[in-house]
Amino acid sequence: MNRSALWRYLSSLALLLTLGCAAPHPQPSAPPPTATPQHQPPCLQAALRAVDAETQRYQGWFDQTTDPQQREAYQQALAYLKDLRQRLQALPAETPPWQIAWAPVPGGAQSWFHPSTPLPPPTPITLDDAWLEGPLPSQIHFPTQTRSGPFYLATGTLGRLTLQAGKHYRLTLQPLLPETYPFPSFYVCITAAEPLQEGR
């Protein structure tokens, strides 16, 4: 190789090296941002719906009566339910909502509960054969139910659990809040549902 050719070769090599050093190095792609899940206590939304249902009931009674004593009792109940809703919304994720909601609503003149009738603990209930009357919120029916209860009103389910109205399931219920009613009745969250075979 003569001098001229060698010079052209070295010049080209120097140019390539210069361009290579000047070229920006590819940066490692940043991982996509991950949404931080908002952890909530299990069945919290069902408990809030239960409180809203009781609030609507007491507000209706309050609006329909002119009796001063009844109005005072209903005002007490409405104030309690408003405070309960705020406490539920502020619950830490590790606190089940039934730990603070499981108590009769004060001022509940129509309630079956009275001091001589102990309130059962809010332990899970299993119904071996049960079905929903309609879409949530819905009454739950089961073969051994009597006219005097107990009655269960489902206001929500755990997670993404979905159920069909009229379809028979083996249900696990978590009691949330006693319903103001002349007979034992409870708002519940459905925590498990196992479909039953046809003809059972």
N, C-alpha and C. Protein backbone atom coordinates (compact mmCIF):
# COMPACT_ATOMS: atom_id res chain seq x y z
N MET A 1 0.86 -1.18 0.00
CA MET A 1 0.00 0.00 0.00
C MET A 1 0.91 1.24 0.00
N ASN A 2 0.66 2.19 -1.01
CA ASN A 2 1.48 3.41 -1.06
C ASN A 2 1.04 4.40 0.01
N ARG A 3 1.80 5.47 0.10
CA ARG A 3 1.53 6.43 1.16
C ARG A 3 0.19 7.08 1.04
N SER A 4 -0.23 7.40 -0.16
CA SER A 4 -1.50 8.08 -0.39
C SER A 4 -2.66 7.19 0.03
N ALA A 5 -2.54 5.92 -0.35
CA ALA A 5 -3.63 5.00 0.01
C ALA A 5 -3.66 4.79 1.51
N LEU A 6 -2.45 4.70 2.12
CA LEU A 6 -2.39 4.52 3.57
C LEU A 6 -2.99 5.72 4.29
N TRP A 7 -2.72 6.91 3.78
CA TRP A 7 -3.26 8.12 4.40
C TRP A 7 -4.78 8.15 4.33
N ARG A 8 -5.31 7.79 3.15
CA ARG A 8 -6.78 7.77 3.00
C ARG A 8 -7.39 6.75 3.96
N TYR A 9 -6.75 5.59 4.12
CA TYR A 9 -7.26 4.54 5.01
C TYR A 9 -7.26 5.01 6.46
N LEU A 10 -6.12 5.65 6.88
CA LEU A 10 -6.04 6.13 8.26
C LEU A 10 -7.04 7.26 8.51
N SER A 11 -7.26 8.13 7.51
CA SER A 11 -8.21 9.23 7.67
C SER A 11 -9.62 8.69 7.83
N SER A 12 -9.97 7.69 7.01
CA SER A 12 -11.30 7.09 7.11
C SER A 12 -11.49 6.41 8.46
N LEU A 13 -10.45 5.71 8.93
CA LEU A 13 -10.53 5.02 10.21
C LEU A 13 -10.70 6.02 11.35
N ALA A 14 -9.96 7.14 11.28
CA ALA A 14 -10.08 8.16 12.32
C ALA A 14 -11.47 8.76 12.33
N LEU A 15 -12.07 8.98 11.14
CA LEU A 15 -13.41 9.53 11.05
C LEU A 15 -14.43 8.59 11.66
N LEU A 16 -14.28 7.31 11.33
CA LEU A 16 -15.21 6.32 11.89
C LEU A 16 -15.12 6.25 13.40
N LEU A 17 -13.88 6.28 13.93
CA LEU A 17 -13.70 6.23 15.38
C LEU A 17 -14.28 7.46 16.04
N THR A 18 -14.13 8.63 15.41
CA THR A 18 -14.65 9.87 15.97
C THR A 18 -16.17 9.84 16.02
N LEU A 19 -16.78 9.39 14.93
CA LEU A 19 -18.24 9.30 14.90
C LEU A 19 -18.75 8.29 15.92
N GLY A 20 -18.01 7.19 16.06
CA GLY A 20 -18.44 6.17 17.03
C GLY A 20 -18.37 6.67 18.43
N CYS A 21 -17.34 7.45 18.78
CA CYS A 21 -17.23 7.97 20.14
C CYS A 21 -18.25 9.05 20.40
N ALA A 22 -18.59 9.82 19.34
CA ALA A 22 -19.53 10.91 19.54
C ALA A 22 -20.97 10.44 19.60
N ALA A 23 -21.24 9.26 19.06
CA ALA A 23 -22.62 8.77 19.03
C ALA A 23 -23.10 8.50 20.44
N PRO A 24 -24.30 8.92 20.77
CA PRO A 24 -24.81 8.70 22.12
C PRO A 24 -25.04 7.23 22.38
N HIS A 25 -24.69 6.82 23.58
CA HIS A 25 -24.91 5.43 23.94
C HIS A 25 -26.38 5.23 24.30
N PRO A 26 -26.97 4.14 23.83
CA PRO A 26 -28.38 3.90 24.17
C PRO A 26 -28.54 3.74 25.68
N GLN A 27 -29.52 4.47 26.23
CA GLN A 27 -29.78 4.38 27.65
C GLN A 27 -30.70 3.19 27.93
N PRO A 28 -30.49 2.50 29.02
CA PRO A 28 -31.41 1.40 29.34
C PRO A 28 -32.80 1.95 29.59
N SER A 29 -33.77 1.28 28.99
CA SER A 29 -35.15 1.75 29.12
C SER A 29 -35.61 1.61 30.56
N ALA A 30 -36.24 2.65 31.03
CA ALA A 30 -36.75 2.63 32.41
C ALA A 30 -37.95 1.71 32.49
N PRO A 31 -38.10 0.99 33.57
CA PRO A 31 -39.28 0.12 33.69
C PRO A 31 -40.54 0.95 33.73
N PRO A 32 -41.61 0.46 33.10
CA PRO A 32 -42.85 1.23 33.10
C PRO A 32 -43.35 1.44 34.52
N PRO A 33 -43.92 2.61 34.78
CA PRO A 33 -44.41 2.85 36.14
C PRO A 33 -45.51 1.88 36.50
N THR A 34 -45.45 1.38 37.69
CA THR A 34 -46.47 0.44 38.14
C THR A 34 -47.45 1.17 39.03
N ALA A 35 -48.72 0.89 38.79
CA ALA A 35 -49.76 1.51 39.62
C ALA A 35 -49.73 0.89 41.01
N THR A 36 -49.72 1.73 41.99
CA THR A 36 -49.73 1.23 43.36
C THR A 36 -51.14 0.88 43.75
N PRO A 37 -51.41 -0.41 44.00
CA PRO A 37 -52.79 -0.77 44.36
C PRO A 37 -53.18 -0.14 45.67
N GLN A 38 -54.40 0.32 45.71
CA GLN A 38 -54.90 0.89 46.94
C GLN A 38 -55.53 -0.24 47.75
N HIS A 39 -54.81 -0.68 48.75
CA HIS A 39 -55.28 -1.80 49.55
C HIS A 39 -56.41 -1.33 50.45
N GLN A 40 -57.49 -2.07 50.43
CA GLN A 40 -58.64 -1.77 51.26
C GLN A 40 -58.98 -3.00 52.10
N PRO A 41 -59.58 -2.78 53.24
CA PRO A 41 -60.03 -3.93 54.02
C PRO A 41 -61.01 -4.76 53.20
N PRO A 42 -61.01 -6.09 53.37
CA PRO A 42 -61.93 -6.93 52.60
C PRO A 42 -63.38 -6.57 52.92
N CYS A 43 -64.20 -6.54 51.89
CA CYS A 43 -65.64 -6.27 52.01
C CYS A 43 -65.94 -4.85 52.48
N LEU A 44 -64.99 -3.93 52.35
CA LEU A 44 -65.24 -2.56 52.78
C LEU A 44 -66.38 -1.92 51.99
N GLN A 45 -66.37 -2.09 50.67
CA GLN A 45 -67.42 -1.48 49.86
C GLN A 45 -68.79 -2.04 50.24
N ALA A 46 -68.84 -3.33 50.55
CA ALA A 46 -70.11 -3.93 50.98
C ALA A 46 -70.58 -3.32 52.29
N ALA A 47 -69.65 -3.05 53.20
CA ALA A 47 -70.00 -2.42 54.48
C ALA A 47 -70.49 -1.00 54.27
N LEU A 48 -69.86 -0.26 53.38
CA LEU A 48 -70.31 1.10 53.10
C LEU A 48 -71.70 1.11 52.48
N ARG A 49 -71.99 0.14 51.60
CA ARG A 49 -73.33 0.05 51.03
C ARG A 49 -74.37 -0.28 52.10
N ALA A 50 -73.98 -1.11 53.05
CA ALA A 50 -74.88 -1.44 54.15
C ALA A 50 -75.22 -0.20 54.97
N VAL A 51 -74.21 0.60 55.27
CA VAL A 51 -74.43 1.83 56.03
C VAL A 51 -75.31 2.79 55.22
N ASP A 52 -75.08 2.87 53.92
CA ASP A 52 -75.90 3.75 53.08
C ASP A 52 -77.35 3.29 53.06
N ALA A 53 -77.57 1.98 53.02
CA ALA A 53 -78.94 1.45 53.02
C ALA A 53 -79.65 1.78 54.33
N GLU A 54 -78.96 1.62 55.45
CA GLU A 54 -79.55 1.97 56.74
C GLU A 54 -79.80 3.48 56.84
N THR A 55 -78.89 4.27 56.32
CA THR A 55 -79.06 5.72 56.34
C THR A 55 -80.31 6.13 55.56
N GLN A 56 -80.48 5.54 54.39
CA GLN A 56 -81.65 5.85 53.57
C GLN A 56 -82.93 5.45 54.30
N ARG A 57 -82.90 4.32 54.98
CA ARG A 57 -84.08 3.85 55.72
C ARG A 57 -84.43 4.82 56.84
N TYR A 58 -83.45 5.20 57.65
CA TYR A 58 -83.71 6.11 58.76
C TYR A 58 -84.10 7.50 58.29
N GLN A 59 -83.52 7.95 57.19
CA GLN A 59 -83.89 9.25 56.65
C GLN A 59 -85.35 9.24 56.21
N GLY A 60 -85.77 8.14 55.61
CA GLY A 60 -87.17 8.01 55.21
C GLY A 60 -88.11 8.04 56.40
N TRP A 61 -87.76 7.32 57.47
CA TRP A 61 -88.58 7.34 58.68
C TRP A 61 -88.62 8.73 59.29
N PHE A 62 -87.47 9.39 59.32
CA PHE A 62 -87.39 10.73 59.89
C PHE A 62 -88.29 11.69 59.11
N ASP A 63 -88.28 11.59 57.78
CA ASP A 63 -89.07 12.50 56.95
C ASP A 63 -90.57 12.24 57.07
N GLN A 64 -90.95 11.02 57.45
CA GLN A 64 -92.37 10.66 57.45
C GLN A 64 -93.05 10.87 58.80
N THR A 65 -92.29 11.11 59.86
CA THR A 65 -92.91 11.23 61.17
C THR A 65 -92.86 12.67 61.68
N THR A 66 -93.87 13.01 62.47
CA THR A 66 -93.89 14.31 63.14
C THR A 66 -93.76 14.15 64.64
N ASP A 67 -93.66 12.91 65.11
CA ASP A 67 -93.53 12.66 66.53
C ASP A 67 -92.16 13.11 67.02
N PRO A 68 -92.09 14.03 67.97
CA PRO A 68 -90.79 14.57 68.40
C PRO A 68 -89.85 13.50 68.96
N GLN A 69 -90.39 12.54 69.70
CA GLN A 69 -89.54 11.50 70.29
C GLN A 69 -88.94 10.61 69.21
N GLN A 70 -89.76 10.24 68.23
CA GLN A 70 -89.25 9.41 67.14
C GLN A 70 -88.23 10.17 66.31
N ARG A 71 -88.50 11.43 66.03
CA ARG A 71 -87.56 12.23 65.24
C ARG A 71 -86.22 12.34 65.95
N GLU A 72 -86.26 12.49 67.26
CA GLU A 72 -85.01 12.56 68.01
C GLU A 72 -84.23 11.25 67.93
N ALA A 73 -84.97 10.12 68.02
CA ALA A 73 -84.31 8.82 67.91
C ALA A 73 -83.71 8.62 66.53
N TYR A 74 -84.44 9.04 65.50
CA TYR A 74 -83.93 8.87 64.14
C TYR A 74 -82.75 9.80 63.87
N GLN A 75 -82.77 10.99 64.45
CA GLN A 75 -81.63 11.89 64.32
C GLN A 75 -80.39 11.27 64.96
N GLN A 76 -80.58 10.61 66.09
CA GLN A 76 -79.47 9.94 66.76
C GLN A 76 -78.91 8.84 65.87
N ALA A 77 -79.81 8.08 65.24
CA ALA A 77 -79.37 7.01 64.35
C ALA A 77 -78.63 7.56 63.14
N LEU A 78 -79.14 8.63 62.56
CA LEU A 78 -78.50 9.22 61.38
C LEU A 78 -77.12 9.77 61.71
N ALA A 79 -76.99 10.38 62.87
CA ALA A 79 -75.68 10.90 63.28
C ALA A 79 -74.69 9.75 63.49
N TYR A 80 -75.18 8.66 64.08
CA TYR A 80 -74.32 7.49 64.29
C TYR A 80 -73.87 6.91 62.96
N LEU A 81 -74.79 6.78 62.01
CA LEU A 81 -74.46 6.18 60.71
C LEU A 81 -73.49 7.07 59.92
N LYS A 82 -73.66 8.37 60.02
CA LYS A 82 -72.72 9.28 59.35
C LYS A 82 -71.32 9.12 59.91
N ASP A 83 -71.23 9.04 61.23
CA ASP A 83 -69.93 8.86 61.87
C ASP A 83 -69.33 7.49 61.53
N LEU A 84 -70.19 6.46 61.49
CA LEU A 84 -69.71 5.11 61.16
C LEU A 84 -69.15 5.07 59.74
N ARG A 85 -69.81 5.74 58.82
CA ARG A 85 -69.32 5.75 57.44
C ARG A 85 -67.94 6.41 57.35
N GLN A 86 -67.77 7.50 58.07
CA GLN A 86 -66.47 8.17 58.07
C GLN A 86 -65.39 7.29 58.67
N ARG A 87 -65.73 6.56 59.74
CA ARG A 87 -64.75 5.68 60.36
C ARG A 87 -64.41 4.52 59.44
N LEU A 88 -65.38 4.01 58.70
CA LEU A 88 -65.11 2.93 57.74
C LEU A 88 -64.19 3.42 56.63
N GLN A 89 -64.42 4.61 56.14
CA GLN A 89 -63.60 5.13 55.05
C GLN A 89 -62.15 5.36 55.48
N ALA A 90 -61.95 5.56 56.77
CA ALA A 90 -60.60 5.81 57.28
C ALA A 90 -59.92 4.55 57.80
N LEU A 91 -60.54 3.39 57.60
CA LEU A 91 -59.99 2.15 58.14
C LEU A 91 -58.64 1.80 57.51
N PRO A 92 -57.68 1.37 58.31
CA PRO A 92 -56.45 0.81 57.74
C PRO A 92 -56.74 -0.54 57.10
N ALA A 93 -55.88 -0.93 56.17
CA ALA A 93 -56.13 -2.12 55.37
C ALA A 93 -56.23 -3.39 56.21
N GLU A 94 -55.57 -3.41 57.36
CA GLU A 94 -55.56 -4.65 58.15
C GLU A 94 -56.77 -4.78 59.07
N THR A 95 -57.66 -3.79 59.08
CA THR A 95 -58.82 -3.83 59.97
C THR A 95 -60.08 -4.22 59.22
N PRO A 96 -60.69 -5.36 59.54
CA PRO A 96 -61.94 -5.74 58.89
C PRO A 96 -63.06 -4.76 59.27
N PRO A 97 -63.90 -4.38 58.34
CA PRO A 97 -64.93 -3.37 58.64
C PRO A 97 -65.94 -3.82 59.68
N TRP A 98 -66.19 -5.14 59.77
CA TRP A 98 -67.18 -5.60 60.74
C TRP A 98 -66.71 -5.44 62.18
N GLN A 99 -65.45 -5.21 62.37
CA GLN A 99 -64.97 -4.99 63.74
C GLN A 99 -65.52 -3.71 64.35
N ILE A 100 -65.83 -2.72 63.51
CA ILE A 100 -66.40 -1.49 64.05
C ILE A 100 -67.87 -1.31 63.66
N ALA A 101 -68.34 -2.01 62.63
CA ALA A 101 -69.72 -1.84 62.19
C ALA A 101 -70.69 -2.77 62.90
N TRP A 102 -70.18 -3.82 63.55
CA TRP A 102 -71.04 -4.85 64.11
C TRP A 102 -71.65 -4.40 65.43
N ALA A 103 -72.70 -3.62 65.34
CA ALA A 103 -73.45 -3.15 66.50
C ALA A 103 -74.80 -2.65 66.02
N PRO A 104 -75.84 -2.81 66.83
CA PRO A 104 -77.15 -2.28 66.42
C PRO A 104 -77.10 -0.76 66.29
N VAL A 105 -77.84 -0.24 65.35
CA VAL A 105 -77.90 1.21 65.16
C VAL A 105 -78.70 1.81 66.32
N PRO A 106 -78.14 2.74 67.07
CA PRO A 106 -78.90 3.35 68.16
C PRO A 106 -80.10 4.13 67.62
N GLY A 107 -81.18 4.07 68.35
CA GLY A 107 -82.41 4.74 67.89
C GLY A 107 -83.27 3.85 67.03
N GLY A 108 -82.88 2.56 66.93
CA GLY A 108 -83.62 1.64 66.07
C GLY A 108 -84.85 1.08 66.76
N ALA A 109 -85.94 1.84 66.77
CA ALA A 109 -87.15 1.41 67.45
C ALA A 109 -87.76 0.16 66.79
N GLN A 110 -87.50 -0.02 65.48
CA GLN A 110 -88.07 -1.17 64.78
C GLN A 110 -87.16 -2.40 64.83
N SER A 111 -86.07 -2.31 65.56
CA SER A 111 -85.11 -3.40 65.54
C SER A 111 -85.57 -4.57 66.40
N TRP A 112 -85.23 -5.78 66.00
CA TRP A 112 -85.51 -6.98 66.78
C TRP A 112 -84.60 -7.05 67.99
N PHE A 113 -83.48 -6.34 67.90
CA PHE A 113 -82.48 -6.43 68.95
C PHE A 113 -82.90 -5.61 70.17
N HIS A 114 -82.71 -6.15 71.33
CA HIS A 114 -82.90 -5.43 72.58
C HIS A 114 -81.94 -6.03 73.59
N PRO A 115 -81.71 -5.36 74.72
CA PRO A 115 -80.66 -5.81 75.65
C PRO A 115 -80.77 -7.26 76.10
N SER A 116 -81.99 -7.80 76.14
CA SER A 116 -82.13 -9.19 76.58
C SER A 116 -81.82 -10.19 75.47
N THR A 117 -81.63 -9.70 74.24
CA THR A 117 -81.30 -10.57 73.11
C THR A 117 -79.85 -10.31 72.71
N PRO A 118 -78.94 -11.20 73.05
CA PRO A 118 -77.53 -10.95 72.69
C PRO A 118 -77.32 -10.98 71.19
N LEU A 119 -76.51 -10.08 70.72
CA LEU A 119 -76.17 -10.04 69.30
C LEU A 119 -75.16 -11.14 69.00
N PRO A 120 -75.44 -12.03 68.03
CA PRO A 120 -74.47 -13.09 67.74
C PRO A 120 -73.17 -12.50 67.22
N PRO A 121 -72.06 -13.19 67.42
CA PRO A 121 -70.78 -12.66 66.92
C PRO A 121 -70.75 -12.67 65.40
N PRO A 122 -69.97 -11.76 64.79
CA PRO A 122 -69.93 -11.68 63.33
C PRO A 122 -69.00 -12.73 62.71
N THR A 123 -69.21 -13.97 63.05
CA THR A 123 -68.39 -15.05 62.49
C THR A 123 -68.96 -15.47 61.14
N PRO A 124 -68.13 -15.97 60.23
CA PRO A 124 -68.62 -16.38 58.92
C PRO A 124 -69.72 -17.44 59.01
N ILE A 125 -70.65 -17.36 58.08
CA ILE A 125 -71.80 -18.25 58.03
C ILE A 125 -71.75 -19.00 56.70
N THR A 126 -71.97 -20.30 56.75
CA THR A 126 -72.01 -21.10 55.52
C THR A 126 -73.43 -21.60 55.28
N LEU A 127 -73.94 -21.35 54.08
CA LEU A 127 -75.24 -21.86 53.65
C LEU A 127 -74.97 -22.89 52.56
N ASP A 128 -75.35 -24.15 52.82
CA ASP A 128 -75.03 -25.22 51.87
C ASP A 128 -75.82 -25.12 50.57
N ASP A 129 -76.96 -24.46 50.60
CA ASP A 129 -77.76 -24.29 49.39
C ASP A 129 -78.46 -22.93 49.50
N ALA A 130 -78.06 -21.99 48.66
CA ALA A 130 -78.62 -20.65 48.75
C ALA A 130 -78.59 -20.00 47.37
N TRP A 131 -79.41 -18.98 47.20
CA TRP A 131 -79.45 -18.28 45.92
C TRP A 131 -79.85 -16.83 46.15
N LEU A 132 -79.46 -15.98 45.22
CA LEU A 132 -79.76 -14.56 45.29
C LEU A 132 -81.10 -14.28 44.62
N GLU A 133 -81.84 -13.36 45.22
CA GLU A 133 -83.13 -12.97 44.66
C GLU A 133 -82.95 -12.18 43.37
N GLY A 134 -81.91 -11.37 43.30
CA GLY A 134 -81.66 -10.53 42.13
C GLY A 134 -80.23 -10.01 42.16
N PRO A 135 -79.93 -8.98 41.36
CA PRO A 135 -78.58 -8.41 41.39
C PRO A 135 -78.33 -7.71 42.72
N LEU A 136 -77.05 -7.62 43.08
CA LEU A 136 -76.67 -6.98 44.35
C LEU A 136 -77.03 -5.49 44.35
N PRO A 137 -77.48 -4.98 45.51
CA PRO A 137 -77.74 -5.68 46.77
C PRO A 137 -78.98 -6.56 46.65
N SER A 138 -78.93 -7.71 47.28
CA SER A 138 -80.00 -8.69 47.09
C SER A 138 -80.22 -9.53 48.33
N GLN A 139 -81.47 -9.92 48.55
CA GLN A 139 -81.78 -10.88 49.59
C GLN A 139 -81.24 -12.25 49.20
N ILE A 140 -80.77 -12.98 50.19
CA ILE A 140 -80.31 -14.35 49.98
C ILE A 140 -81.39 -15.29 50.51
N HIS A 141 -81.75 -16.27 49.71
CA HIS A 141 -82.76 -17.25 50.12
C HIS A 141 -82.10 -18.61 50.30
N PHE A 142 -82.65 -19.41 51.22
CA PHE A 142 -82.14 -20.76 51.44
C PHE A 142 -83.29 -21.60 51.97
N PRO A 143 -83.27 -22.92 51.73
CA PRO A 143 -84.42 -23.78 52.03
C PRO A 143 -84.86 -23.78 53.49
N THR A 144 -83.95 -23.63 54.45
CA THR A 144 -84.31 -23.71 55.86
C THR A 144 -84.73 -22.36 56.45
N GLN A 145 -84.83 -21.34 55.61
CA GLN A 145 -85.21 -20.01 56.10
C GLN A 145 -86.68 -20.02 56.52
N THR A 146 -86.98 -19.33 57.61
CA THR A 146 -88.36 -19.24 58.09
C THR A 146 -88.87 -17.82 57.93
N ARG A 147 -90.14 -17.62 58.21
CA ARG A 147 -90.74 -16.29 58.08
C ARG A 147 -90.19 -15.31 59.12
N SER A 148 -89.60 -15.85 60.16
CA SER A 148 -89.02 -14.99 61.19
C SER A 148 -87.50 -14.91 61.08
N GLY A 149 -86.96 -15.33 59.95
CA GLY A 149 -85.52 -15.20 59.71
C GLY A 149 -84.74 -16.43 60.10
N PRO A 150 -83.44 -16.29 60.15
CA PRO A 150 -82.71 -15.05 59.89
C PRO A 150 -82.70 -14.66 58.42
N PHE A 151 -82.55 -13.37 58.18
CA PHE A 151 -82.51 -12.84 56.83
C PHE A 151 -81.11 -12.27 56.56
N TYR A 152 -80.65 -12.45 55.33
CA TYR A 152 -79.34 -11.96 54.94
C TYR A 152 -79.48 -11.12 53.67
N LEU A 153 -78.97 -9.91 53.73
CA LEU A 153 -79.00 -9.02 52.59
C LEU A 153 -77.56 -8.81 52.13
N ALA A 154 -77.23 -9.35 50.96
CA ALA A 154 -75.87 -9.25 50.42
C ALA A 154 -75.69 -7.88 49.76
N THR A 155 -74.71 -7.15 50.23
CA THR A 155 -74.42 -5.83 49.66
C THR A 155 -73.13 -5.81 48.85
N GLY A 156 -72.44 -6.95 48.78
CA GLY A 156 -71.22 -7.01 48.00
C GLY A 156 -70.58 -8.38 48.10
N THR A 157 -69.50 -8.55 47.33
CA THR A 157 -68.76 -9.80 47.32
C THR A 157 -67.28 -9.50 47.54
N LEU A 158 -66.55 -10.52 47.88
CA LEU A 158 -65.11 -10.37 48.08
C LEU A 158 -64.40 -10.47 46.73
N GLY A 159 -63.57 -9.49 46.43
CA GLY A 159 -62.81 -9.51 45.18
C GLY A 159 -63.71 -9.41 43.96
N ARG A 160 -63.41 -10.23 42.95
CA ARG A 160 -64.16 -10.19 41.70
C ARG A 160 -65.18 -11.31 41.61
N LEU A 161 -65.61 -11.79 42.73
CA LEU A 161 -66.59 -12.86 42.76
C LEU A 161 -67.91 -12.38 42.16
N THR A 162 -68.43 -13.13 41.19
CA THR A 162 -69.71 -12.78 40.55
C THR A 162 -70.67 -13.95 40.67
N LEU A 163 -71.94 -13.62 40.88
CA LEU A 163 -72.96 -14.65 41.04
C LEU A 163 -74.16 -14.32 40.16
N GLN A 164 -74.89 -15.36 39.78
CA GLN A 164 -76.10 -15.20 38.98
C GLN A 164 -77.32 -15.30 39.87
N ALA A 165 -78.26 -14.40 39.67
CA ALA A 165 -79.49 -14.45 40.44
C ALA A 165 -80.24 -15.74 40.14
N GLY A 166 -80.76 -16.39 41.17
CA GLY A 166 -81.53 -17.61 41.01
C GLY A 166 -80.69 -18.87 40.93
N LYS A 167 -79.41 -18.76 40.72
CA LYS A 167 -78.54 -19.93 40.64
C LYS A 167 -78.17 -20.38 42.06
N HIS A 168 -78.15 -21.69 42.28
CA HIS A 168 -77.89 -22.22 43.61
C HIS A 168 -76.38 -22.36 43.85
N TYR A 169 -75.96 -21.93 45.04
CA TYR A 169 -74.55 -21.96 45.42
C TYR A 169 -74.43 -22.46 46.86
N ARG A 170 -73.24 -22.90 47.17
CA ARG A 170 -72.84 -23.04 48.57
C ARG A 170 -72.11 -21.75 48.92
N LEU A 171 -72.72 -20.94 49.78
CA LEU A 171 -72.22 -19.59 50.04
C LEU A 171 -71.57 -19.49 51.41
N THR A 172 -70.53 -18.68 51.47
CA THR A 172 -69.94 -18.28 52.74
C THR A 172 -70.18 -16.80 52.89
N LEU A 173 -70.77 -16.41 54.01
CA LEU A 173 -71.16 -15.03 54.25
C LEU A 173 -70.38 -14.45 55.42
N GLN A 174 -70.00 -13.21 55.28
CA GLN A 174 -69.38 -12.49 56.39
C GLN A 174 -70.37 -11.43 56.87
N PRO A 175 -70.96 -11.59 58.06
CA PRO A 175 -71.86 -10.55 58.57
C PRO A 175 -71.12 -9.23 58.75
N LEU A 176 -71.79 -8.13 58.39
CA LEU A 176 -71.18 -6.81 58.45
C LEU A 176 -71.86 -5.89 59.46
N LEU A 177 -73.18 -5.86 59.38
CA LEU A 177 -73.95 -4.88 60.15
C LEU A 177 -75.36 -5.43 60.37
N PRO A 178 -75.88 -5.38 61.59
CA PRO A 178 -77.27 -5.79 61.80
C PRO A 178 -78.21 -4.82 61.07
N GLU A 179 -79.22 -5.38 60.43
CA GLU A 179 -80.23 -4.56 59.75
C GLU A 179 -81.34 -4.22 60.74
N THR A 180 -81.81 -2.99 60.68
CA THR A 180 -82.94 -2.60 61.53
C THR A 180 -84.20 -3.23 60.96
N TYR A 181 -84.73 -4.21 61.67
CA TYR A 181 -85.85 -5.00 61.17
C TYR A 181 -86.49 -5.70 62.35
N PRO A 182 -87.79 -6.03 62.28
CA PRO A 182 -88.44 -6.69 63.42
C PRO A 182 -87.91 -8.09 63.71
N PHE A 183 -87.25 -8.71 62.74
CA PHE A 183 -86.71 -10.06 62.93
C PHE A 183 -85.20 -10.03 62.65
N PRO A 184 -84.46 -11.03 63.13
CA PRO A 184 -83.01 -11.04 62.88
C PRO A 184 -82.67 -10.93 61.40
N SER A 185 -81.96 -9.90 61.06
CA SER A 185 -81.62 -9.63 59.67
C SER A 185 -80.26 -8.94 59.64
N PHE A 186 -79.45 -9.30 58.65
CA PHE A 186 -78.07 -8.83 58.64
C PHE A 186 -77.61 -8.48 57.23
N TYR A 187 -76.84 -7.43 57.12
CA TYR A 187 -76.13 -7.14 55.89
C TYR A 187 -74.87 -8.00 55.87
N VAL A 188 -74.59 -8.61 54.71
CA VAL A 188 -73.46 -9.53 54.63
C VAL A 188 -72.66 -9.28 53.34
N CYS A 189 -71.42 -9.74 53.39
CA CYS A 189 -70.55 -9.78 52.22
C CYS A 189 -70.35 -11.24 51.86
N ILE A 190 -70.52 -11.59 50.60
CA ILE A 190 -70.31 -12.97 50.15
C ILE A 190 -68.83 -13.17 49.90
N THR A 191 -68.20 -14.05 50.66
CA THR A 191 -66.76 -14.24 50.54
C THR A 191 -66.38 -15.48 49.73
N ALA A 192 -67.32 -16.39 49.52
CA ALA A 192 -67.05 -17.59 48.71
C ALA A 192 -68.37 -18.11 48.16
N ALA A 193 -68.30 -18.65 46.97
CA ALA A 193 -69.50 -19.19 46.32
C ALA A 193 -69.11 -20.38 45.46
N GLU A 194 -69.67 -21.53 45.78
CA GLU A 194 -69.40 -22.74 45.01
C GLU A 194 -70.69 -23.17 44.32
N PRO A 195 -70.74 -23.11 42.99
CA PRO A 195 -71.97 -23.48 42.29
C PRO A 195 -72.36 -24.93 42.58
N LEU A 196 -73.66 -25.15 42.77
CA LEU A 196 -74.16 -26.50 43.00
C LEU A 196 -74.56 -27.12 41.67
N GLN A 197 -74.47 -28.41 41.60
CA GLN A 197 -74.82 -29.13 40.39
C GLN A 197 -76.33 -29.08 40.17
N GLU A 198 -76.72 -29.12 38.91
CA GLU A 198 -78.15 -29.11 38.57
C GLU A 198 -78.83 -30.32 39.19
N GLY A 199 -80.04 -30.09 39.70
CA GLY A 199 -80.81 -31.19 40.24
C GLY A 199 -80.53 -31.49 41.69
N ARG A 200 -79.56 -30.75 42.27
CA ARG A 200 -79.27 -31.00 43.69
C ARG A 200 -80.32 -30.37 44.57
